[in-house]
Protein backbone atom coordinates (compact mmCIF):
# COMPACT_ATOMS: atom_id res chain seq x y z
CA MET A 1 107.81 53.68 102.94
CA ARG A 2 110.48 55.54 104.44
CA LYS A 3 110.95 57.50 101.01
CA LEU A 4 107.41 58.58 101.04
CA LEU A 5 107.44 59.76 104.38
CA ASN A 6 110.61 61.84 103.65
CA LYS A 7 108.95 63.20 100.58
CA ALA A 8 105.93 64.26 102.53
CA GLN A 9 107.97 66.23 105.13
CA MET A 10 109.83 68.04 102.52
CA GLU A 11 106.43 69.07 101.05
CA MET A 12 105.47 70.42 104.65
CA VAL A 13 108.55 72.34 105.16
CA LYS A 14 108.06 73.88 101.92
CA VAL A 15 104.72 74.97 102.84
CA MET A 16 105.79 76.56 106.17
CA VAL A 17 108.87 78.38 104.62
CA LYS A 18 106.25 79.85 101.70
CA GLY A 19 103.79 80.81 104.54
CA ARG A 20 106.44 82.25 106.77
CA ALA A 21 107.65 84.34 103.96
CA ILE A 22 103.91 85.49 103.15
CA LEU A 23 103.29 86.21 106.80
CA THR A 24 106.84 88.39 107.23
CA GLY A 25 106.50 90.07 103.70
CA ASN A 26 105.93 93.92 104.06
CA SER A 27 105.27 94.34 100.12
CA GLY A 28 102.00 96.48 100.80
CA GLU A 29 103.36 98.69 103.41
CA GLY A 30 104.34 101.47 101.09
CA MET A 31 101.01 101.92 99.64
CA VAL A 32 99.71 102.49 103.10
CA ASP A 33 102.07 104.95 103.83
CA SER A 34 101.31 106.69 100.50
CA ALA A 35 97.76 106.64 101.31
CA VAL A 36 98.23 108.40 104.82
CA LYS A 37 100.19 111.22 102.94
CA ILE A 38 97.80 111.86 100.54
CA LEU A 39 94.97 112.16 102.86
CA ILE A 40 96.91 114.29 105.23
CA SER A 41 97.88 116.71 102.47
CA ILE A 42 94.28 116.74 101.39
CA VAL A 43 92.92 117.63 104.69
CA ILE A 44 95.73 120.48 104.96
CA GLY A 45 95.05 121.79 101.66
CA ALA A 46 91.38 121.99 102.62
CA LEU A 47 91.87 123.83 105.79
CA LEU A 48 94.08 126.19 104.23
CA LEU A 49 91.38 126.84 101.40
CA ALA A 50 88.96 127.44 103.99
CA GLY A 51 90.91 129.80 105.75
CA LEU A 52 91.83 131.79 102.77
CA TYR A 53 88.12 132.07 101.93
CA ALA A 54 87.09 133.09 105.08
CA LEU A 55 90.04 135.72 105.41
CA PHE A 56 88.86 137.01 101.82
CA GLY A 57 85.33 136.88 102.78
CA ASP A 58 85.27 138.72 105.95
CA VAL A 59 88.39 141.13 106.12
CA ILE A 60 89.69 141.65 102.65
CA LEU A 61 86.90 142.24 100.30
CA PRO A 62 84.72 144.41 102.68
CA THR A 63 88.07 146.55 103.11
CA LEU A 64 88.29 146.69 99.39
CA ARG A 65 85.00 147.61 98.64
CA GLN A 66 84.90 150.58 100.89
CA ARG A 67 88.41 151.93 99.61
CA ILE A 68 87.15 151.60 95.81
CA GLN A 69 83.79 153.50 97.20
CA ASP A 70 86.09 156.21 98.68
CA MET A 71 88.19 156.52 95.76
CA PHE A 72 85.11 157.43 93.66
CA ASN A 73 83.33 159.52 96.06
CA PHE A 74 86.55 161.73 96.30
CA SER A 75 85.52 165.55 96.18
CA GLY A 76 88.99 166.56 95.17
CA GLY A 77 89.40 169.00 97.82
CA VAL A 78 88.07 171.88 95.77
CA SER A 79 85.43 174.03 97.64
């Protein structure tokens, strides 16, 4: 009877040690960090792209268009 109780107690200790190892393990922590880094880089890239698109649409292209028209409408200074 004592042998059976000792065996049951040892099995319970094994289960507790296994459970503690599972609960204290941090094996998935690197995956979460990588996912957060990827999301941050996507958001920053989208903001940068939107800023460049707005800059080109509102500032650079109208100025460039006007300069090209001015070059082709150049009279040459000859009267």
